[in-house]
C-alpha atoms as a PDB file:
ATOM      1  CA  UNK A   1       0.000   0.000   0.000  1.00  0.00           C
ATOM      2  CA  UNK A   2       1.288   3.444  -0.921  1.00  0.00           C
ATOM      3  CA  UNK A   3       1.560   6.279   1.552  1.00  0.00           C
ATOM      4  CA  UNK A   4      -0.330   9.513   0.993  1.00  0.00           C
ATOM      5  CA  UNK A   5       2.888  11.279  -0.008  1.00  0.00           C
ATOM      6  CA  UNK A   6       3.213   9.044  -3.071  1.00  0.00           C
ATOM      7  CA  UNK A   7      -0.460   9.445  -3.982  1.00  0.00           C
ATOM      8  CA  UNK A   8      -0.178  13.221  -4.276  1.00  0.00           C
ATOM      9  CA  UNK A   9       0.618  14.630  -7.721  1.00  0.00           C
ATOM     10  CA  UNK A  10       4.308  15.174  -8.368  1.00  0.00           C
ATOM     11  CA  UNK A  11       3.836  18.953  -8.699  1.00  0.00           C
ATOM     12  CA  UNK A  12       2.453  19.097  -5.151  1.00  0.00           C
ATOM     13  CA  UNK A  13       5.318  16.976  -3.860  1.00  0.00           C
ATOM     14  CA  UNK A  14       7.815  19.332  -5.542  1.00  0.00           C
ATOM     15  CA  UNK A  15       6.066  22.392  -4.111  1.00  0.00           C
ATOM     16  CA  UNK A  16       6.342  20.915  -0.620  1.00  0.00           C
ATOM     17  CA  UNK A  17      10.061  20.279  -0.993  1.00  0.00           C
ATOM     18  CA  UNK A  18      10.611  23.781  -2.451  1.00  0.00           C
ATOM     19  CA  UNK A  19       8.804  25.371   0.487  1.00  0.00           C
ATOM     20  CA  UNK A  20      10.903  23.385   2.935  1.00  0.00           C
ATOM     21  CA  UNK A  21      14.099  24.437   1.187  1.00  0.00           C
ATOM     22  CA  UNK A  22      12.909  28.038   0.999  1.00  0.00           C
ATOM     23  CA  UNK A  23      12.332  28.215   4.740  1.00  0.00           C
ATOM     24  CA  UNK A  24      15.845  26.942   5.544  1.00  0.00           C
ATOM     25  CA  UNK A  25      17.722  29.105   3.048  1.00  0.00           C
ATOM     26  CA  UNK A  26      19.042  32.229   4.719  1.00  0.00           C
ATOM     27  CA  UNK A  27      21.077  35.231   3.712  1.00  0.00           C
ATOM     28  CA  UNK A  28      24.052  36.147   5.877  1.00  0.00           C
ATOM     29  CA  UNK A  29      24.529  39.861   6.492  1.00  0.00           C
ATOM     30  CA  UNK A  30      26.958  41.947   8.524  1.00  0.00           C
ATOM     31  CA  UNK A  31      25.748  44.731  10.808  1.00  0.00           C
ATOM     32  CA  UNK A  32      28.951  46.202  12.189  1.00  0.00           C
ATOM     33  CA  UNK A  33      30.635  43.340  14.040  1.00  0.00           C
ATOM     34  CA  UNK A  34      27.359  41.404  14.328  1.00  0.00           C
ATOM     35  CA  UNK A  35      26.448  38.570  11.988  1.00  0.00           C
ATOM     36  CA  UNK A  36      22.787  38.074  11.164  1.00  0.00           C
ATOM     37  CA  UNK A  37      20.646  35.668   9.168  1.00  0.00           C
ATOM     38  CA  UNK A  38      17.562  36.663   7.201  1.00  0.00           C
ATOM     39  CA  UNK A  39      15.268  34.127   5.536  1.00  0.00           C
ATOM     40  CA  UNK A  40      15.462  34.442   1.760  1.00  0.00           C
ATOM     41  CA  UNK A  41      11.682  34.587   1.363  1.00  0.00           C
ATOM     42  CA  UNK A  42      11.729  37.890   3.310  1.00  0.00           C
ATOM     43  CA  UNK A  43      14.001  39.612   0.782  1.00  0.00           C
ATOM     44  CA  UNK A  44      12.908  40.665  -2.673  1.00  0.00           C
ATOM     45  CA  UNK A  45      16.383  41.677  -3.845  1.00  0.00           C
ATOM     46  CA  UNK A  46      19.748  43.045  -2.768  1.00  0.00           C
ATOM     47  CA  UNK A  47      21.020  46.196  -4.475  1.00  0.00           C
ATOM     48  CA  UNK A  48      24.096  48.379  -4.349  1.00  0.00           C
ATOM     49  CA  UNK A  49      23.565  51.531  -2.345  1.00  0.00           C
ATOM     50  CA  UNK A  50      22.037  54.174  -4.632  1.00  0.00           C
ATOM     51  CA  UNK A  51      21.744  57.881  -3.904  1.00  0.00           C
ATOM     52  CA  UNK A  52      19.438  58.269  -0.904  1.00  0.00           C
ATOM     53  CA  UNK A  53      17.264  61.370  -0.734  1.00  0.00           C
ATOM     54  CA  UNK A  54      16.985  62.489   2.901  1.00  0.00           C
ATOM     55  CA  UNK A  55      13.577  63.166   4.443  1.00  0.00           C
ATOM     56  CA  UNK A  56      13.578  65.980   7.028  1.00  0.00           C
ATOM     57  CA  UNK A  57      12.215  65.584  10.559  1.00  0.00           C
ATOM     58  CA  UNK A  58      12.613  61.808  10.674  1.00  0.00           C
ATOM     59  CA  UNK A  59      14.383  59.543  13.151  1.00  0.00           C
ATOM     60  CA  UNK A  60      18.147  59.082  12.830  1.00  0.00           C
ATOM     61  CA  UNK A  61      17.782  55.503  11.618  1.00  0.00           C
ATOM     62  CA  UNK A  62      15.504  56.508   8.717  1.00  0.00           C
ATOM     63  CA  UNK A  63      17.934  57.422   5.963  1.00  0.00           C
ATOM     64  CA  UNK A  64      15.481  58.606   3.323  1.00  0.00           C
ATOM     65  CA  UNK A  65      14.022  57.481   0.027  1.00  0.00           C
ATOM     66  CA  UNK A  66      15.443  55.763  -3.043  1.00  0.00           C
ATOM     67  CA  UNK A  67      13.994  55.168  -6.475  1.00  0.00           C
ATOM     68  CA  UNK A  68      14.372  51.577  -7.672  1.00  0.00           C
ATOM     69  CA  UNK A  69      13.088  51.165 -11.222  1.00  0.00           C
ATOM     70  CA  UNK A  70      10.328  53.729 -10.703  1.00  0.00           C
ATOM     71  CA  UNK A  71       9.271  52.550  -7.235  1.00  0.00           C
ATOM     72  CA  UNK A  72      10.020  54.572  -4.090  1.00  0.00           C
ATOM     73  CA  UNK A  73      11.447  52.765  -1.056  1.00  0.00           C
ATOM     74  CA  UNK A  74      11.984  54.082   2.463  1.00  0.00           C
ATOM     75  CA  UNK A  75      15.485  53.096   3.624  1.00  0.00           C
ATOM     76  CA  UNK A  76      16.418  52.304   7.224  1.00  0.00           C
ATOM     77  CA  UNK A  77      19.922  51.881   8.597  1.00  0.00           C
ATOM     78  CA  UNK A  78      19.284  48.522  10.238  1.00  0.00           C
ATOM     79  CA  UNK A  79      22.311  48.830  12.492  1.00  0.00           C
ATOM     80  CA  UNK A  80      21.155  52.169  13.949  1.00  0.00           C
ATOM     81  CA  UNK A  81      17.575  50.916  14.316  1.00  0.00           C
ATOM     82  CA  UNK A  82      18.888  47.988  16.389  1.00  0.00           C
ATOM     83  CA  UNK A  83      20.914  50.355  18.610  1.00  0.00           C
ATOM     84  CA  UNK A  84      24.395  50.107  17.069  1.00  0.00           C
ATOM     85  CA  UNK A  85      26.629  52.645  15.277  1.00  0.00           C
ATOM     86  CA  UNK A  86      25.705  53.833  11.763  1.00  0.00           C
ATOM     87  CA  UNK A  87      26.518  51.696   8.757  1.00  0.00           C
ATOM     88  CA  UNK A  88      29.373  53.152   6.685  1.00  0.00           C
ATOM     89  CA  UNK A  89      28.825  53.757   2.981  1.00  0.00           C
ATOM     90  CA  UNK A  90      31.449  51.843   1.052  1.00  0.00           C
ATOM     91  CA  UNK A  91      31.830  49.348  -1.790  1.00  0.00           C
ATOM     92  CA  UNK A  92      30.534  46.484   0.385  1.00  0.00           C
ATOM     93  CA  UNK A  93      27.409  48.141   1.821  1.00  0.00           C
ATOM     94  CA  UNK A  94      24.127  46.955   0.348  1.00  0.00           C
ATOM     95  CA  UNK A  95      20.407  47.518   0.644  1.00  0.00           C
ATOM     96  CA  UNK A  96      18.024  44.621   1.246  1.00  0.00           C
ATOM     97  CA  UNK A  97      14.618  45.299  -0.267  1.00  0.00           C
ATOM     98  CA  UNK A  98      11.840  43.617   1.710  1.00  0.00           C
ATOM     99  CA  UNK A  99       9.665  41.013   0.015  1.00  0.00           C
ATOM    100  CA  UNK A 100       6.858  42.416  -2.111  1.00  0.00           C
ATOM    101  CA  UNK A 101       4.534  39.976  -0.302  1.00  0.00           C
ATOM    102  CA  UNK A 102       4.737  42.252   2.760  1.00  0.00           C
ATOM    103  CA  UNK A 103       3.160  45.110   0.761  1.00  0.00           C
ATOM    104  CA  UNK A 104       5.506  47.792   2.059  1.00  0.00           C
ATOM    105  CA  UNK A 105       8.238  49.434   0.010  1.00  0.00           C
ATOM    106  CA  UNK A 106      11.109  49.464   2.438  1.00  0.00           C
ATOM    107  CA  UNK A 107      14.735  48.484   2.484  1.00  0.00           C
ATOM    108  CA  UNK A 108      17.555  48.114   4.988  1.00  0.00           C
ATOM    109  CA  UNK A 109      21.115  49.339   4.693  1.00  0.00           C
ATOM    110  CA  UNK A 110      23.615  46.696   5.861  1.00  0.00           C
ATOM    111  CA  UNK A 111      27.442  46.636   6.048  1.00  0.00           C
ATOM    112  CA  UNK A 112      27.919  43.728   3.679  1.00  0.00           C
ATOM    113  CA  UNK A 113      26.574  40.459   2.371  1.00  0.00           C
ATOM    114  CA  UNK A 114      27.988  37.234   3.823  1.00  0.00           C
ATOM    115  CA  UNK A 115      26.413  34.842   1.363  1.00  0.00           C
ATOM    116  CA  UNK A 116      23.498  32.475   1.015  1.00  0.00           C
ATOM    117  CA  UNK A 117      23.561  29.708   3.601  1.00  0.00           C
ATOM    118  CA  UNK A 118      21.507  26.799   4.810  1.00  0.00           C
ATOM    119  CA  UNK A 119      20.173  27.050   8.348  1.00  0.00           C
ATOM    120  CA  UNK A 120      21.025  23.385   8.912  1.00  0.00           C
ATOM    121  CA  UNK A 121      24.721  24.407   8.798  1.00  0.00           C
ATOM    122  CA  UNK A 122      24.226  26.276  12.074  1.00  0.00           C
ATOM    123  CA  UNK A 123      23.736  25.055  15.629  1.00  0.00           C
ATOM    124  CA  UNK A 124      20.912  26.749  17.498  1.00  0.00           C
ATOM    125  CA  UNK A 125      21.894  27.942  20.960  1.00  0.00           C
ATOM    126  CA  UNK A 126      19.885  28.960  23.967  1.00  0.00           C
ATOM    127  CA  UNK A 127      21.624  31.861  25.666  1.00  0.00           C
ATOM    128  CA  UNK A 128      18.975  32.114  28.387  1.00  0.00           C
ATOM    129  CA  UNK A 129      17.636  35.409  27.016  1.00  0.00           C
ATOM    130  CA  UNK A 130      14.115  35.844  25.748  1.00  0.00           C
ATOM    131  CA  UNK A 131      14.372  36.739  22.062  1.00  0.00           C
ATOM    132  CA  UNK A 132      13.023  40.142  21.120  1.00  0.00           C
ATOM    133  CA  UNK A 133      10.521  40.541  18.318  1.00  0.00           C
ATOM    134  CA  UNK A 134      13.171  41.139  15.675  1.00  0.00           C
ATOM    135  CA  UNK A 135      16.110  38.882  16.585  1.00  0.00           C
ATOM    136  CA  UNK A 136      14.257  35.635  17.106  1.00  0.00           C
ATOM    137  CA  UNK A 137      16.977  33.008  17.533  1.00  0.00           C
ATOM    138  CA  UNK A 138      20.705  32.669  18.138  1.00  0.00           C
ATOM    139  CA  UNK A 139      23.022  30.307  16.249  1.00  0.00           C
ATOM    140  CA  UNK A 140      26.669  29.261  16.105  1.00  0.00           C
ATOM    141  CA  UNK A 141      28.479  28.459  12.881  1.00  0.00           C
ATOM    142  CA  UNK A 142      31.164  25.764  12.520  1.00  0.00           C
ATOM    143  CA  UNK A 143      33.865  28.255  13.634  1.00  0.00           C
ATOM    144  CA  UNK A 144      32.004  29.163  16.837  1.00  0.00           C
ATOM    145  CA  UNK A 145      30.915  32.610  15.653  1.00  0.00           C
ATOM    146  CA  UNK A 146      27.508  33.743  16.895  1.00  0.00           C
ATOM    147  CA  UNK A 147      24.701  34.729  14.494  1.00  0.00           C
ATOM    148  CA  UNK A 148      21.269  36.250  15.151  1.00  0.00           C
ATOM    149  CA  UNK A 149      18.251  35.333  13.061  1.00  0.00           C
ATOM    150  CA  UNK A 150      16.269  38.449  12.158  1.00  0.00           C
ATOM    151  CA  UNK A 151      12.555  38.442  11.419  1.00  0.00           C
ATOM    152  CA  UNK A 152      11.956  41.240   8.910  1.00  0.00           C
ATOM    153  CA  UNK A 153       8.191  40.670   8.897  1.00  0.00           C
ATOM    154  CA  UNK A 154       7.996  41.400  12.620  1.00  0.00           C
ATOM    155  CA  UNK A 155      10.387  44.326  12.254  1.00  0.00           C
ATOM    156  CA  UNK A 156       8.276  46.105   9.634  1.00  0.00           C
ATOM    157  CA  UNK A 157       5.156  45.617  11.791  1.00  0.00           C
ATOM    158  CA  UNK A 158       6.910  47.077  14.859  1.00  0.00           C
ATOM    159  CA  UNK A 159       5.255  50.315  16.049  1.00  0.00           C
ATOM    160  CA  UNK A 160       8.620  52.055  16.474  1.00  0.00           C
ATOM    161  CA  UNK A 161       9.591  51.195  12.895  1.00  0.00           C
ATOM    162  CA  UNK A 162       6.315  52.502  11.510  1.00  0.00           C
ATOM    163  CA  UNK A 163       6.658  55.880  13.255  1.00  0.00           C
ATOM    164  CA  UNK A 164       9.570  57.539  11.452  1.00  0.00           C
ATOM    165  CA  UNK A 165       8.863  61.155  12.419  1.00  0.00           C
ATOM    166  CA  UNK A 166      10.885  62.757  15.211  1.00  0.00           C
END
Protein backbone atom coordinates (compact mmCIF):
# COMPACT_ATOMS: atom_id res chain seq x y z
CA UNK A 1 0.00 0.00 0.00
CA UNK A 2 1.29 3.44 -0.92
CA UNK A 3 1.56 6.28 1.55
CA UNK A 4 -0.33 9.51 0.99
CA UNK A 5 2.89 11.28 -0.01
CA UNK A 6 3.21 9.04 -3.07
CA UNK A 7 -0.46 9.44 -3.98
CA UNK A 8 -0.18 13.22 -4.28
CA UNK A 9 0.62 14.63 -7.72
CA UNK A 10 4.31 15.17 -8.37
CA UNK A 11 3.84 18.95 -8.70
CA UNK A 12 2.45 19.10 -5.15
CA UNK A 13 5.32 16.98 -3.86
CA UNK A 14 7.81 19.33 -5.54
CA UNK A 15 6.07 22.39 -4.11
CA UNK A 16 6.34 20.92 -0.62
CA UNK A 17 10.06 20.28 -0.99
CA UNK A 18 10.61 23.78 -2.45
CA UNK A 19 8.80 25.37 0.49
CA UNK A 20 10.90 23.38 2.93
CA UNK A 21 14.10 24.44 1.19
CA UNK A 22 12.91 28.04 1.00
CA UNK A 23 12.33 28.21 4.74
CA UNK A 24 15.84 26.94 5.54
CA UNK A 25 17.72 29.11 3.05
CA UNK A 26 19.04 32.23 4.72
CA UNK A 27 21.08 35.23 3.71
CA UNK A 28 24.05 36.15 5.88
CA UNK A 29 24.53 39.86 6.49
CA UNK A 30 26.96 41.95 8.52
CA UNK A 31 25.75 44.73 10.81
CA UNK A 32 28.95 46.20 12.19
CA UNK A 33 30.64 43.34 14.04
CA UNK A 34 27.36 41.40 14.33
CA UNK A 35 26.45 38.57 11.99
CA UNK A 36 22.79 38.07 11.16
CA UNK A 37 20.65 35.67 9.17
CA UNK A 38 17.56 36.66 7.20
CA UNK A 39 15.27 34.13 5.54
CA UNK A 40 15.46 34.44 1.76
CA UNK A 41 11.68 34.59 1.36
CA UNK A 42 11.73 37.89 3.31
CA UNK A 43 14.00 39.61 0.78
CA UNK A 44 12.91 40.67 -2.67
CA UNK A 45 16.38 41.68 -3.84
CA UNK A 46 19.75 43.04 -2.77
CA UNK A 47 21.02 46.20 -4.47
CA UNK A 48 24.10 48.38 -4.35
CA UNK A 49 23.56 51.53 -2.34
CA UNK A 50 22.04 54.17 -4.63
CA UNK A 51 21.74 57.88 -3.90
CA UNK A 52 19.44 58.27 -0.90
CA UNK A 53 17.26 61.37 -0.73
CA UNK A 54 16.99 62.49 2.90
CA UNK A 55 13.58 63.17 4.44
CA UNK A 56 13.58 65.98 7.03
CA UNK A 57 12.21 65.58 10.56
CA UNK A 58 12.61 61.81 10.67
CA UNK A 59 14.38 59.54 13.15
CA UNK A 60 18.15 59.08 12.83
CA UNK A 61 17.78 55.50 11.62
CA UNK A 62 15.50 56.51 8.72
CA UNK A 63 17.93 57.42 5.96
CA UNK A 64 15.48 58.61 3.32
CA UNK A 65 14.02 57.48 0.03
CA UNK A 66 15.44 55.76 -3.04
CA UNK A 67 13.99 55.17 -6.47
CA UNK A 68 14.37 51.58 -7.67
CA UNK A 69 13.09 51.17 -11.22
CA UNK A 70 10.33 53.73 -10.70
CA UNK A 71 9.27 52.55 -7.23
CA UNK A 72 10.02 54.57 -4.09
CA UNK A 73 11.45 52.76 -1.06
CA UNK A 74 11.98 54.08 2.46
CA UNK A 75 15.48 53.10 3.62
CA UNK A 76 16.42 52.30 7.22
CA UNK A 77 19.92 51.88 8.60
CA UNK A 78 19.28 48.52 10.24
CA UNK A 79 22.31 48.83 12.49
CA UNK A 80 21.16 52.17 13.95
CA UNK A 81 17.58 50.92 14.32
CA UNK A 82 18.89 47.99 16.39
CA UNK A 83 20.91 50.35 18.61
CA UNK A 84 24.39 50.11 17.07
CA UNK A 85 26.63 52.65 15.28
CA UNK A 86 25.71 53.83 11.76
CA UNK A 87 26.52 51.70 8.76
CA UNK A 88 29.37 53.15 6.68
CA UNK A 89 28.82 53.76 2.98
CA UNK A 90 31.45 51.84 1.05
CA UNK A 91 31.83 49.35 -1.79
CA UNK A 92 30.53 46.48 0.38
CA UNK A 93 27.41 48.14 1.82
CA UNK A 94 24.13 46.96 0.35
CA UNK A 95 20.41 47.52 0.64
CA UNK A 96 18.02 44.62 1.25
CA UNK A 97 14.62 45.30 -0.27
CA UNK A 98 11.84 43.62 1.71
CA UNK A 99 9.66 41.01 0.01
CA UNK A 100 6.86 42.42 -2.11
CA UNK A 101 4.53 39.98 -0.30
CA UNK A 102 4.74 42.25 2.76
CA UNK A 103 3.16 45.11 0.76
CA UNK A 104 5.51 47.79 2.06
CA UNK A 105 8.24 49.43 0.01
CA UNK A 106 11.11 49.46 2.44
CA UNK A 107 14.73 48.48 2.48
CA UNK A 108 17.56 48.11 4.99
CA UNK A 109 21.12 49.34 4.69
CA UNK A 110 23.62 46.70 5.86
CA UNK A 111 27.44 46.64 6.05
CA UNK A 112 27.92 43.73 3.68
CA UNK A 113 26.57 40.46 2.37
CA UNK A 114 27.99 37.23 3.82
CA UNK A 115 26.41 34.84 1.36
CA UNK A 116 23.50 32.47 1.02
CA UNK A 117 23.56 29.71 3.60
CA UNK A 118 21.51 26.80 4.81
CA UNK A 119 20.17 27.05 8.35
CA UNK A 120 21.02 23.39 8.91
CA UNK A 121 24.72 24.41 8.80
CA UNK A 122 24.23 26.28 12.07
CA UNK A 123 23.74 25.06 15.63
CA UNK A 124 20.91 26.75 17.50
CA UNK A 125 21.89 27.94 20.96
CA UNK A 126 19.89 28.96 23.97
CA UNK A 127 21.62 31.86 25.67
CA UNK A 128 18.97 32.11 28.39
CA UNK A 129 17.64 35.41 27.02
CA UNK A 130 14.12 35.84 25.75
CA UNK A 131 14.37 36.74 22.06
CA UNK A 132 13.02 40.14 21.12
CA UNK A 133 10.52 40.54 18.32
CA UNK A 134 13.17 41.14 15.67
CA UNK A 135 16.11 38.88 16.58
CA UNK A 136 14.26 35.63 17.11
CA UNK A 137 16.98 33.01 17.53
CA UNK A 138 20.70 32.67 18.14
CA UNK A 139 23.02 30.31 16.25
CA UNK A 140 26.67 29.26 16.11
CA UNK A 141 28.48 28.46 12.88
CA UNK A 142 31.16 25.76 12.52
CA UNK A 143 33.86 28.26 13.63
CA UNK A 144 32.00 29.16 16.84
CA UNK A 145 30.92 32.61 15.65
CA UNK A 146 27.51 33.74 16.89
CA UNK A 147 24.70 34.73 14.49
CA UNK A 148 21.27 36.25 15.15
CA UNK A 149 18.25 35.33 13.06
CA UNK A 150 16.27 38.45 12.16
CA UNK A 151 12.55 38.44 11.42
CA UNK A 152 11.96 41.24 8.91
CA UNK A 153 8.19 40.67 8.90
CA UNK A 154 8.00 41.40 12.62
CA UNK A 155 10.39 44.33 12.25
CA UNK A 156 8.28 46.11 9.63
CA UNK A 157 5.16 45.62 11.79
CA UNK A 158 6.91 47.08 14.86
CA UNK A 159 5.26 50.32 16.05
CA UNK A 160 8.62 52.05 16.47
CA UNK A 161 9.59 51.20 12.90
CA UNK A 162 6.32 52.50 11.51
CA UNK A 163 6.66 55.88 13.26
CA UNK A 164 9.57 57.54 11.45
CA UNK A 165 8.86 61.15 12.42
CA UNK A 166 10.89 62.76 15.21
